[in-house]
Full PDB file with SEQRES, HELIX, SHEET, SSBOND, CRYST1, ORIGX, SCALE, CONECT and MASTER records, all heavy atoms in Angstrom:
SEQRES   1 A   35  ILE ASP ARG LYS TYR LYS PHE LEU ALA VAL ASN PRO VAL          
SEQRES   2 A   35  SER GLY ASN ILE HIS THR GLU ASP ASP ALA ILE VAL PHE          
SEQRES   3 A   35  LEU ALA LYS ASP LEU ALA LEU MET PRO                          
SHEET    1 AA1 2 LEU A   8  VAL A  10  0                                        
SHEET    2 AA1 2 ILE A  17  THR A  19 -1                                        
CRYST1    1.000    1.000    1.000  90.00  90.00  90.00 P 1           1          
ORIGX1      1.000000  0.000000  0.000000        0.00000                         
ORIGX2      0.000000  1.000000  0.000000        0.00000                         
ORIGX3      0.000000  0.000000  1.000000        0.00000                         
SCALE1      1.000000  0.000000  0.000000        0.00000                         
SCALE2      0.000000  1.000000  0.000000        0.00000                         
SCALE3      0.000000  0.000000  1.000000        0.00000                         
ATOM      1  N   ILE A   1      -9.135 -19.216 -40.120  1.00  0.00           N  
ATOM      2  CA  ILE A   1      -9.864 -20.202 -40.907  1.00  0.00           C  
ATOM      3  C   ILE A   1     -11.350 -20.184 -40.557  1.00  0.00           C  
ATOM      4  O   ILE A   1     -12.203 -20.068 -41.418  1.00  0.00           O  
ATOM      5  CB  ILE A   1      -9.265 -21.609 -40.705  1.00  0.00           C  
ATOM      6  CG1 ILE A   1      -7.853 -21.647 -41.288  1.00  0.00           C  
ATOM      7  CG2 ILE A   1     -10.144 -22.672 -41.351  1.00  0.00           C  
ATOM      8  CD1 ILE A   1      -7.095 -22.906 -41.003  1.00  0.00           C  
ATOM      9  N   ASP A   2     -11.660 -20.339 -39.269  1.00  0.00           N  
ATOM     10  CA  ASP A   2     -13.061 -20.352 -38.832  1.00  0.00           C  
ATOM     11  C   ASP A   2     -13.465 -18.927 -38.493  1.00  0.00           C  
ATOM     12  O   ASP A   2     -13.007 -18.354 -37.523  1.00  0.00           O  
ATOM     13  CB  ASP A   2     -13.235 -21.262 -37.624  1.00  0.00           C  
ATOM     14  CG  ASP A   2     -14.692 -21.558 -37.314  1.00  0.00           C  
ATOM     15  OD1 ASP A   2     -15.546 -20.669 -37.511  1.00  0.00           O  
ATOM     16  OD2 ASP A   2     -14.980 -22.673 -36.846  1.00  0.00           O  
ATOM     17  N   ARG A   3     -14.311 -18.333 -39.318  1.00  0.00           N  
ATOM     18  CA  ARG A   3     -14.714 -16.949 -39.093  1.00  0.00           C  
ATOM     19  C   ARG A   3     -15.937 -16.823 -38.192  1.00  0.00           C  
ATOM     20  O   ARG A   3     -16.215 -15.747 -37.677  1.00  0.00           O  
ATOM     21  CB  ARG A   3     -15.011 -16.274 -40.431  1.00  0.00           C  
ATOM     22  CG  ARG A   3     -13.787 -16.062 -41.273  1.00  0.00           C  
ATOM     23  CD  ARG A   3     -14.157 -15.373 -42.558  1.00  0.00           C  
ATOM     24  NE  ARG A   3     -12.981 -15.010 -43.327  1.00  0.00           N  
ATOM     25  CZ  ARG A   3     -13.036 -14.386 -44.489  1.00  0.00           C  
ATOM     26  NH1 ARG A   3     -14.205 -14.071 -45.012  1.00  0.00           N  
ATOM     27  NH2 ARG A   3     -11.930 -14.091 -45.127  1.00  0.00           N  
ATOM     28  N   LYS A   4     -16.677 -17.926 -38.010  1.00  0.00           N  
ATOM     29  CA  LYS A   4     -17.908 -17.833 -37.221  1.00  0.00           C  
ATOM     30  C   LYS A   4     -17.634 -17.919 -35.720  1.00  0.00           C  
ATOM     31  O   LYS A   4     -18.291 -17.258 -34.925  1.00  0.00           O  
ATOM     32  CB  LYS A   4     -18.871 -18.947 -37.633  1.00  0.00           C  
ATOM     33  CG  LYS A   4     -20.242 -18.817 -36.991  1.00  0.00           C  
ATOM     34  CD  LYS A   4     -21.236 -19.777 -37.614  1.00  0.00           C  
ATOM     35  CE  LYS A   4     -22.615 -19.586 -37.047  1.00  0.00           C  
ATOM     36  NZ  LYS A   4     -23.605 -20.460 -37.682  1.00  0.00           N  
ATOM     37  N   TYR A   5     -16.637 -18.729 -35.339  1.00  0.00           N  
ATOM     38  CA  TYR A   5     -16.395 -18.971 -33.919  1.00  0.00           C  
ATOM     39  C   TYR A   5     -14.994 -18.567 -33.503  1.00  0.00           C  
ATOM     40  O   TYR A   5     -14.040 -18.707 -34.257  1.00  0.00           O  
ATOM     41  CB  TYR A   5     -16.582 -20.461 -33.590  1.00  0.00           C  
ATOM     42  CG  TYR A   5     -17.989 -20.931 -33.789  1.00  0.00           C  
ATOM     43  CD1 TYR A   5     -18.336 -21.665 -34.910  1.00  0.00           C  
ATOM     44  CD2 TYR A   5     -18.976 -20.625 -32.867  1.00  0.00           C  
ATOM     45  CE1 TYR A   5     -19.639 -22.090 -35.107  1.00  0.00           C  
ATOM     46  CE2 TYR A   5     -20.277 -21.044 -33.057  1.00  0.00           C  
ATOM     47  CZ  TYR A   5     -20.602 -21.781 -34.174  1.00  0.00           C  
ATOM     48  OH  TYR A   5     -21.886 -22.193 -34.367  1.00  0.00           O  
ATOM     49  N   LYS A   6     -14.891 -18.092 -32.276  1.00  0.00           N  
ATOM     50  CA  LYS A   6     -13.610 -17.935 -31.599  1.00  0.00           C  
ATOM     51  C   LYS A   6     -13.576 -19.042 -30.566  1.00  0.00           C  
ATOM     52  O   LYS A   6     -14.548 -19.245 -29.838  1.00  0.00           O  
ATOM     53  CB  LYS A   6     -13.511 -16.578 -30.905  1.00  0.00           C  
ATOM     54  CG  LYS A   6     -13.431 -15.408 -31.877  1.00  0.00           C  
ATOM     55  CD  LYS A   6     -13.240 -14.098 -31.157  1.00  0.00           C  
ATOM     56  CE  LYS A   6     -11.916 -13.963 -30.483  1.00  0.00           C  
ATOM     57  NZ  LYS A   6     -10.733 -13.837 -31.314  1.00  0.00           N  
ATOM     58  N   PHE A   7     -12.481 -19.780 -30.507  1.00  0.00           N  
ATOM     59  CA  PHE A   7     -12.442 -20.893 -29.561  1.00  0.00           C  
ATOM     60  C   PHE A   7     -11.011 -21.250 -29.202  1.00  0.00           C  
ATOM     61  O   PHE A   7     -10.065 -20.856 -29.876  1.00  0.00           O  
ATOM     62  CB  PHE A   7     -13.170 -22.118 -30.134  1.00  0.00           C  
ATOM     63  CG  PHE A   7     -12.595 -22.621 -31.430  1.00  0.00           C  
ATOM     64  CD1 PHE A   7     -11.601 -23.584 -31.439  1.00  0.00           C  
ATOM     65  CD2 PHE A   7     -13.041 -22.127 -32.643  1.00  0.00           C  
ATOM     66  CE1 PHE A   7     -11.070 -24.050 -32.631  1.00  0.00           C  
ATOM     67  CE2 PHE A   7     -12.525 -22.582 -33.836  1.00  0.00           C  
ATOM     68  CZ  PHE A   7     -11.527 -23.545 -33.833  1.00  0.00           C  
ATOM     69  N   LEU A   8     -10.904 -22.009 -28.139  1.00  0.00           N  
ATOM     70  CA  LEU A   8      -9.631 -22.546 -27.682  1.00  0.00           C  
ATOM     71  C   LEU A   8      -9.869 -24.026 -27.405  1.00  0.00           C  
ATOM     72  O   LEU A   8     -10.690 -24.380 -26.565  1.00  0.00           O  
ATOM     73  CB  LEU A   8      -9.164 -21.838 -26.412  1.00  0.00           C  
ATOM     74  CG  LEU A   8      -7.900 -22.375 -25.773  1.00  0.00           C  
ATOM     75  CD1 LEU A   8      -6.696 -22.112 -26.661  1.00  0.00           C  
ATOM     76  CD2 LEU A   8      -7.695 -21.757 -24.408  1.00  0.00           C  
ATOM     77  N   ALA A   9      -9.186 -24.871 -28.152  1.00  0.00           N  
ATOM     78  CA  ALA A   9      -9.318 -26.315 -27.975  1.00  0.00           C  
ATOM     79  C   ALA A   9      -7.966 -26.864 -27.536  1.00  0.00           C  
ATOM     80  O   ALA A   9      -6.939 -26.552 -28.132  1.00  0.00           O  
ATOM     81  CB  ALA A   9      -9.755 -26.973 -29.281  1.00  0.00           C  
ATOM     82  N   VAL A  10      -7.991 -27.674 -26.492  1.00  0.00           N  
ATOM     83  CA  VAL A  10      -6.759 -28.246 -25.962  1.00  0.00           C  
ATOM     84  C   VAL A  10      -6.855 -29.765 -25.991  1.00  0.00           C  
ATOM     85  O   VAL A  10      -7.812 -30.339 -25.471  1.00  0.00           O  
ATOM     86  CB  VAL A  10      -6.510 -27.774 -24.508  1.00  0.00           C  
ATOM     87  CG1 VAL A  10      -5.230 -28.376 -23.965  1.00  0.00           C  
ATOM     88  CG2 VAL A  10      -6.487 -26.261 -24.429  1.00  0.00           C  
ATOM     89  N   ASN A  11      -5.885 -30.412 -26.622  1.00  0.00           N  
ATOM     90  CA  ASN A  11      -5.814 -31.867 -26.588  1.00  0.00           C  
ATOM     91  C   ASN A  11      -5.247 -32.251 -25.225  1.00  0.00           C  
ATOM     92  O   ASN A  11      -4.098 -31.928 -24.928  1.00  0.00           O  
ATOM     93  CB  ASN A  11      -4.909 -32.373 -27.718  1.00  0.00           C  
ATOM     94  CG  ASN A  11      -4.811 -33.877 -27.757  1.00  0.00           C  
ATOM     95  OD1 ASN A  11      -4.686 -34.524 -26.720  1.00  0.00           O  
ATOM     96  ND2 ASN A  11      -4.821 -34.434 -28.940  1.00  0.00           N  
ATOM     97  N   PRO A  12      -6.034 -32.925 -24.387  1.00  0.00           N  
ATOM     98  CA  PRO A  12      -5.574 -33.225 -23.037  1.00  0.00           C  
ATOM     99  C   PRO A  12      -4.429 -34.236 -22.984  1.00  0.00           C  
ATOM    100  O   PRO A  12      -3.762 -34.364 -21.959  1.00  0.00           O  
ATOM    101  CB  PRO A  12      -6.825 -33.767 -22.342  1.00  0.00           C  
ATOM    102  CG  PRO A  12      -7.682 -34.269 -23.445  1.00  0.00           C  
ATOM    103  CD  PRO A  12      -7.381 -33.410 -24.645  1.00  0.00           C  
ATOM    104  N   VAL A  13      -4.189 -34.941 -24.069  1.00  0.00           N  
ATOM    105  CA  VAL A  13      -3.104 -35.930 -24.087  1.00  0.00           C  
ATOM    106  C   VAL A  13      -1.799 -35.283 -24.553  1.00  0.00           C  
ATOM    107  O   VAL A  13      -0.773 -35.386 -23.890  1.00  0.00           O  
ATOM    108  CB  VAL A  13      -3.470 -37.133 -24.989  1.00  0.00           C  
ATOM    109  CG1 VAL A  13      -2.313 -38.103 -25.091  1.00  0.00           C  
ATOM    110  CG2 VAL A  13      -4.721 -37.836 -24.458  1.00  0.00           C  
ATOM    111  N   SER A  14      -1.842 -34.601 -25.693  1.00  0.00           N  
ATOM    112  CA  SER A  14      -0.615 -34.019 -26.242  1.00  0.00           C  
ATOM    113  C   SER A  14      -0.340 -32.610 -25.733  1.00  0.00           C  
ATOM    114  O   SER A  14       0.787 -32.135 -25.805  1.00  0.00           O  
ATOM    115  CB  SER A  14      -0.702 -33.965 -27.776  1.00  0.00           C  
ATOM    116  OG  SER A  14      -1.689 -33.023 -28.180  1.00  0.00           O  
ATOM    117  N   GLY A  15      -1.395 -31.938 -25.274  1.00  0.00           N  
ATOM    118  CA  GLY A  15      -1.249 -30.556 -24.856  1.00  0.00           C  
ATOM    119  C   GLY A  15      -1.318 -29.581 -26.015  1.00  0.00           C  
ATOM    120  O   GLY A  15      -1.204 -28.369 -25.820  1.00  0.00           O  
ATOM    121  N   ASN A  16      -1.506 -30.079 -27.245  1.00  0.00           N  
ATOM    122  CA  ASN A  16      -1.614 -29.198 -28.408  1.00  0.00           C  
ATOM    123  C   ASN A  16      -2.823 -28.282 -28.268  1.00  0.00           C  
ATOM    124  O   ASN A  16      -3.888 -28.710 -27.808  1.00  0.00           O  
ATOM    125  CB  ASN A  16      -1.740 -29.999 -29.702  1.00  0.00           C  
ATOM    126  CG  ASN A  16      -0.464 -30.733 -30.046  1.00  0.00           C  
ATOM    127  OD1 ASN A  16       0.623 -30.374 -29.600  1.00  0.00           O  
ATOM    128  ND2 ASN A  16      -0.578 -31.774 -30.848  1.00  0.00           N  
ATOM    129  N   ILE A  17      -2.636 -27.029 -28.665  1.00  0.00           N  
ATOM    130  CA  ILE A  17      -3.684 -26.019 -28.563  1.00  0.00           C  
ATOM    131  C   ILE A  17      -4.069 -25.574 -29.972  1.00  0.00           C  
ATOM    132  O   ILE A  17      -3.214 -25.354 -30.822  1.00  0.00           O  
ATOM    133  CB  ILE A  17      -3.194 -24.815 -27.741  1.00  0.00           C  
ATOM    134  CG1 ILE A  17      -2.906 -25.266 -26.303  1.00  0.00           C  
ATOM    135  CG2 ILE A  17      -4.211 -23.681 -27.775  1.00  0.00           C  
ATOM    136  CD1 ILE A  17      -2.251 -24.206 -25.447  1.00  0.00           C  
ATOM    137  N   HIS A  18      -5.385 -25.433 -30.182  1.00  0.00           N  
ATOM    138  CA  HIS A  18      -5.891 -24.993 -31.474  1.00  0.00           C  
ATOM    139  C   HIS A  18      -6.925 -23.897 -31.269  1.00  0.00           C  
ATOM    140  O   HIS A  18      -7.653 -23.886 -30.281  1.00  0.00           O  
ATOM    141  CB  HIS A  18      -6.510 -26.162 -32.247  1.00  0.00           C  
ATOM    142  CG  HIS A  18      -5.519 -27.235 -32.531  1.00  0.00           C  
ATOM    143  ND1 HIS A  18      -4.626 -27.155 -33.567  1.00  0.00           N  
ATOM    144  CD2 HIS A  18      -5.257 -28.404 -31.886  1.00  0.00           C  
ATOM    145  CE1 HIS A  18      -3.858 -28.228 -33.558  1.00  0.00           C  
ATOM    146  NE2 HIS A  18      -4.225 -29.000 -32.554  1.00  0.00           N  
ATOM    147  N   THR A  19      -6.981 -22.981 -32.227  1.00  0.00           N  
ATOM    148  CA  THR A  19      -7.951 -21.893 -32.215  1.00  0.00           C  
ATOM    149  C   THR A  19      -8.548 -21.769 -33.610  1.00  0.00           C  
ATOM    150  O   THR A  19      -8.239 -22.561 -34.503  1.00  0.00           O  
ATOM    151  CB  THR A  19      -7.286 -20.546 -31.846  1.00  0.00           C  
ATOM    152  OG1 THR A  19      -6.422 -20.155 -32.917  1.00  0.00           O  
ATOM    153  CG2 THR A  19      -6.518 -20.635 -30.534  1.00  0.00           C  
ATOM    154  N   GLU A  20      -9.324 -20.722 -33.804  1.00  0.00           N  
ATOM    155  CA  GLU A  20      -9.926 -20.466 -35.109  1.00  0.00           C  
ATOM    156  C   GLU A  20      -8.884 -20.170 -36.183  1.00  0.00           C  
ATOM    157  O   GLU A  20      -9.186 -20.149 -37.364  1.00  0.00           O  
ATOM    158  CB  GLU A  20     -10.936 -19.313 -35.025  1.00  0.00           C  
ATOM    159  CG  GLU A  20     -10.344 -17.971 -34.633  1.00  0.00           C  
ATOM    160  CD  GLU A  20     -10.134 -17.793 -33.124  1.00  0.00           C  
ATOM    161  OE1 GLU A  20     -10.444 -18.699 -32.329  1.00  0.00           O  
ATOM    162  OE2 GLU A  20      -9.648 -16.715 -32.750  1.00  0.00           O  
ATOM    163  N   ASP A  21      -7.629 -19.988 -35.768  1.00  0.00           N  
ATOM    164  CA  ASP A  21      -6.561 -19.743 -36.740  1.00  0.00           C  
ATOM    165  C   ASP A  21      -6.116 -21.011 -37.472  1.00  0.00           C  
ATOM    166  O   ASP A  21      -5.544 -20.921 -38.557  1.00  0.00           O  
ATOM    167  CB  ASP A  21      -5.352 -19.099 -36.059  1.00  0.00           C  
ATOM    168  CG  ASP A  21      -5.637 -17.669 -35.632  1.00  0.00           C  
ATOM    169  OD1 ASP A  21      -6.444 -16.991 -36.304  1.00  0.00           O  
ATOM    170  OD2 ASP A  21      -5.065 -17.238 -34.622  1.00  0.00           O  
ATOM    171  N   ASP A  22      -6.361 -22.184 -36.863  1.00  0.00           N  
ATOM    172  CA  ASP A  22      -5.903 -23.420 -37.518  1.00  0.00           C  
ATOM    173  C   ASP A  22      -6.909 -24.564 -37.431  1.00  0.00           C  
ATOM    174  O   ASP A  22      -6.580 -25.709 -37.738  1.00  0.00           O  
ATOM    175  CB  ASP A  22      -4.557 -23.868 -36.947  1.00  0.00           C  
ATOM    176  CG  ASP A  22      -4.644 -24.369 -35.515  1.00  0.00           C  
ATOM    177  OD1 ASP A  22      -5.665 -24.152 -34.839  1.00  0.00           O  
ATOM    178  OD2 ASP A  22      -3.679 -25.003 -35.063  1.00  0.00           O  
ATOM    179  N   ALA A  23      -8.152 -24.267 -37.038  1.00  0.00           N  
ATOM    180  CA  ALA A  23      -9.147 -25.327 -36.884  1.00  0.00           C  
ATOM    181  C   ALA A  23     -10.543 -24.751 -37.145  1.00  0.00           C  
ATOM    182  O   ALA A  23     -10.714 -23.540 -37.310  1.00  0.00           O  
ATOM    183  CB  ALA A  23      -9.072 -25.912 -35.473  1.00  0.00           C  
ATOM    184  N   ILE A  24     -11.530 -25.641 -37.187  1.00  0.00           N  
ATOM    185  CA  ILE A  24     -12.921 -25.236 -37.398  1.00  0.00           C  
ATOM    186  C   ILE A  24     -13.805 -25.934 -36.377  1.00  0.00           C  
ATOM    187  O   ILE A  24     -13.440 -26.970 -35.828  1.00  0.00           O  
ATOM    188  CB  ILE A  24     -13.408 -25.556 -38.830  1.00  0.00           C  
ATOM    189  CG1 ILE A  24     -13.252 -27.040 -39.136  1.00  0.00           C  
ATOM    190  CG2 ILE A  24     -12.658 -24.713 -39.843  1.00  0.00           C  
ATOM    191  CD1 ILE A  24     -13.775 -27.457 -40.497  1.00  0.00           C  
ATOM    192  N   VAL A  25     -14.988 -25.372 -36.161  1.00  0.00           N  
ATOM    193  CA  VAL A  25     -15.945 -25.935 -35.213  1.00  0.00           C  
ATOM    194  C   VAL A  25     -17.228 -26.302 -35.949  1.00  0.00           C  
ATOM    195  O   VAL A  25     -17.734 -25.511 -36.743  1.00  0.00           O  
ATOM    196  CB  VAL A  25     -16.275 -24.923 -34.091  1.00  0.00           C  
ATOM    197  CG1 VAL A  25     -17.435 -25.401 -33.247  1.00  0.00           C  
ATOM    198  CG2 VAL A  25     -15.070 -24.667 -33.219  1.00  0.00           C  
ATOM    199  N   PHE A  26     -17.709 -27.493 -35.685  1.00  0.00           N  
ATOM    200  CA  PHE A  26     -19.043 -27.903 -36.117  1.00  0.00           C  
ATOM    201  C   PHE A  26     -19.834 -28.213 -34.855  1.00  0.00           C  
ATOM    202  O   PHE A  26     -19.330 -28.895 -33.964  1.00  0.00           O  
ATOM    203  CB  PHE A  26     -18.992 -29.166 -36.987  1.00  0.00           C  
ATOM    204  CG  PHE A  26     -18.399 -28.945 -38.339  1.00  0.00           C  
ATOM    205  CD1 PHE A  26     -17.081 -29.279 -38.595  1.00  0.00           C  
ATOM    206  CD2 PHE A  26     -19.163 -28.416 -39.371  1.00  0.00           C  
ATOM    207  CE1 PHE A  26     -16.524 -29.086 -39.844  1.00  0.00           C  
ATOM    208  CE2 PHE A  26     -18.612 -28.214 -40.630  1.00  0.00           C  
ATOM    209  CZ  PHE A  26     -17.293 -28.549 -40.865  1.00  0.00           C  
ATOM    210  N   LEU A  27     -21.063 -27.758 -34.771  1.00  0.00           N  
ATOM    211  CA  LEU A  27     -21.895 -28.047 -33.614  1.00  0.00           C  
ATOM    212  C   LEU A  27     -22.603 -29.376 -33.786  1.00  0.00           C  
ATOM    213  O   LEU A  27     -23.107 -29.688 -34.871  1.00  0.00           O  
ATOM    214  CB  LEU A  27     -22.912 -26.932 -33.400  1.00  0.00           C  
ATOM    215  CG  LEU A  27     -22.320 -25.544 -33.153  1.00  0.00           C  
ATOM    216  CD1 LEU A  27     -23.440 -24.543 -32.898  1.00  0.00           C  
ATOM    217  CD2 LEU A  27     -21.342 -25.560 -31.991  1.00  0.00           C  
ATOM    218  N   ALA A  28     -22.679 -30.144 -32.719  1.00  0.00           N  
ATOM    219  CA  ALA A  28     -23.279 -31.476 -32.770  1.00  0.00           C  
ATOM    220  C   ALA A  28     -24.762 -31.429 -33.120  1.00  0.00           C  
ATOM    221  O   ALA A  28     -25.303 -32.392 -33.638  1.00  0.00           O  
ATOM    222  CB  ALA A  28     -23.071 -32.195 -31.438  1.00  0.00           C  
ATOM    223  N   LYS A  29     -25.419 -30.304 -32.888  1.00  0.00           N  
ATOM    224  CA  LYS A  29     -26.853 -30.198 -33.198  1.00  0.00           C  
ATOM    225  C   LYS A  29     -27.133 -29.989 -34.684  1.00  0.00           C  
ATOM    226  O   LYS A  29     -28.257 -30.165 -35.133  1.00  0.00           O  
ATOM    227  CB  LYS A  29     -27.488 -29.074 -32.391  1.00  0.00           C  
ATOM    228  CG  LYS A  29     -27.005 -27.693 -32.780  1.00  0.00           C  
ATOM    229  CD  LYS A  29     -27.642 -26.629 -31.919  1.00  0.00           C  
ATOM    230  CE  LYS A  29     -27.129 -25.255 -32.309  1.00  0.00           C  
ATOM    231  NZ  LYS A  29     -27.748 -24.217 -31.500  1.00  0.00           N  
ATOM    232  N   ASP A  30     -26.119 -29.608 -35.461  1.00  0.00           N  
ATOM    233  CA  ASP A  30     -26.324 -29.325 -36.877  1.00  0.00           C  
ATOM    234  C   ASP A  30     -26.613 -30.600 -37.656  1.00  0.00           C  
ATOM    235  O   ASP A  30     -25.842 -31.558 -37.615  1.00  0.00           O  
ATOM    236  CB  ASP A  30     -25.108 -28.623 -37.470  1.00  0.00           C  
ATOM    237  CG  ASP A  30     -24.985 -27.181 -37.009  1.00  0.00           C  
ATOM    238  OD1 ASP A  30     -25.925 -26.684 -36.367  1.00  0.00           O  
ATOM    239  OD2 ASP A  30     -23.952 -26.562 -37.304  1.00  0.00           O  
ATOM    240  N   LEU A  31     -27.713 -30.592 -38.382  1.00  0.00           N  
ATOM    241  CA  LEU A  31     -28.157 -31.779 -39.109  1.00  0.00           C  
ATOM    242  C   LEU A  31     -27.208 -32.183 -40.237  1.00  0.00           C  
ATOM    243  O   LEU A  31     -27.212 -33.324 -40.666  1.00  0.00           O  
ATOM    244  CB  LEU A  31     -29.568 -31.561 -39.654  1.00  0.00           C  
ATOM    245  CG  LEU A  31     -30.656 -31.440 -38.569  1.00  0.00           C  
ATOM    246  CD1 LEU A  31     -31.979 -31.044 -39.194  1.00  0.00           C  
ATOM    247  CD2 LEU A  31     -30.773 -32.734 -37.784  1.00  0.00           C  
ATOM    248  N   ALA A  32     -26.391 -31.278 -40.710  1.00  0.00           N  
ATOM    249  CA  ALA A  32     -25.448 -31.606 -41.785  1.00  0.00           C  
ATOM    250  C   ALA A  32     -24.189 -32.301 -41.267  1.00  0.00           C  
ATOM    251  O   ALA A  32     -23.381 -32.791 -42.064  1.00  0.00           O  
ATOM    252  CB  ALA A  32     -25.049 -30.338 -42.538  1.00  0.00           C  
ATOM    253  N   LEU A  33     -24.029 -32.378 -39.962  1.00  0.00           N  
ATOM    254  CA  LEU A  33     -22.798 -32.925 -39.407  1.00  0.00           C  
ATOM    255  C   LEU A  33     -22.636 -34.423 -39.667  1.00  0.00           C  
ATOM    256  O   LEU A  33     -21.535 -34.873 -40.011  1.00  0.00           O  
ATOM    257  CB  LEU A  33     -22.711 -32.639 -37.909  1.00  0.00           C  
ATOM    258  CG  LEU A  33     -21.445 -33.143 -37.224  1.00  0.00           C  
ATOM    259  CD1 LEU A  33     -20.198 -32.531 -37.857  1.00  0.00           C  
ATOM    260  CD2 LEU A  33     -21.497 -32.855 -35.739  1.00  0.00           C  
ATOM    261  N   MET A  34     -23.685 -35.208 -39.520  1.00  0.00           N  
ATOM    262  CA  MET A  34     -23.552 -36.663 -39.658  1.00  0.00           C  
ATOM    263  C   MET A  34     -23.026 -37.061 -41.039  1.00  0.00           C  
ATOM    264  O   MET A  34     -22.063 -37.831 -41.127  1.00  0.00           O  
ATOM    265  CB  MET A  34     -24.878 -37.355 -39.349  1.00  0.00           C  
ATOM    266  CG  MET A  34     -25.280 -37.245 -37.886  1.00  0.00           C  
ATOM    267  SD  MET A  34     -24.024 -37.875 -36.755  1.00  0.00           S  
ATOM    268  CE  MET A  34     -24.090 -39.581 -37.179  1.00  0.00           C  
ATOM    269  N   PRO A  35     -23.605 -36.567 -42.122  1.00  0.00           N  
ATOM    270  CA  PRO A  35     -23.045 -36.919 -43.433  1.00  0.00           C  
ATOM    271  C   PRO A  35     -21.604 -36.441 -43.596  1.00  0.00           C  
ATOM    272  O   PRO A  35     -20.796 -37.100 -44.252  1.00  0.00           O  
ATOM    273  CB  PRO A  35     -23.978 -36.222 -44.431  1.00  0.00           C  
ATOM    274  CG  PRO A  35     -25.223 -35.928 -43.681  1.00  0.00           C  
ATOM    275  CD  PRO A  35     -24.838 -35.791 -42.246  1.00  0.00           C  
TER     276      PRO A  35                                                      
MASTER        0    0    0    0    2    0    0    6  275    1    0    3          
END                                                                             
C-alpha cells in the first residue's frame, strides 16, 4: 500500500504488527497532515 516508506509499526498494547503492506505513514512535519 505505502510505496514511499518501508516500516514496522507495533501496537504496544495489542502486539499487532503493521508494515507498508497494510498501512501508510504520514510525517508530522508535512503541512497537509493537519487538515
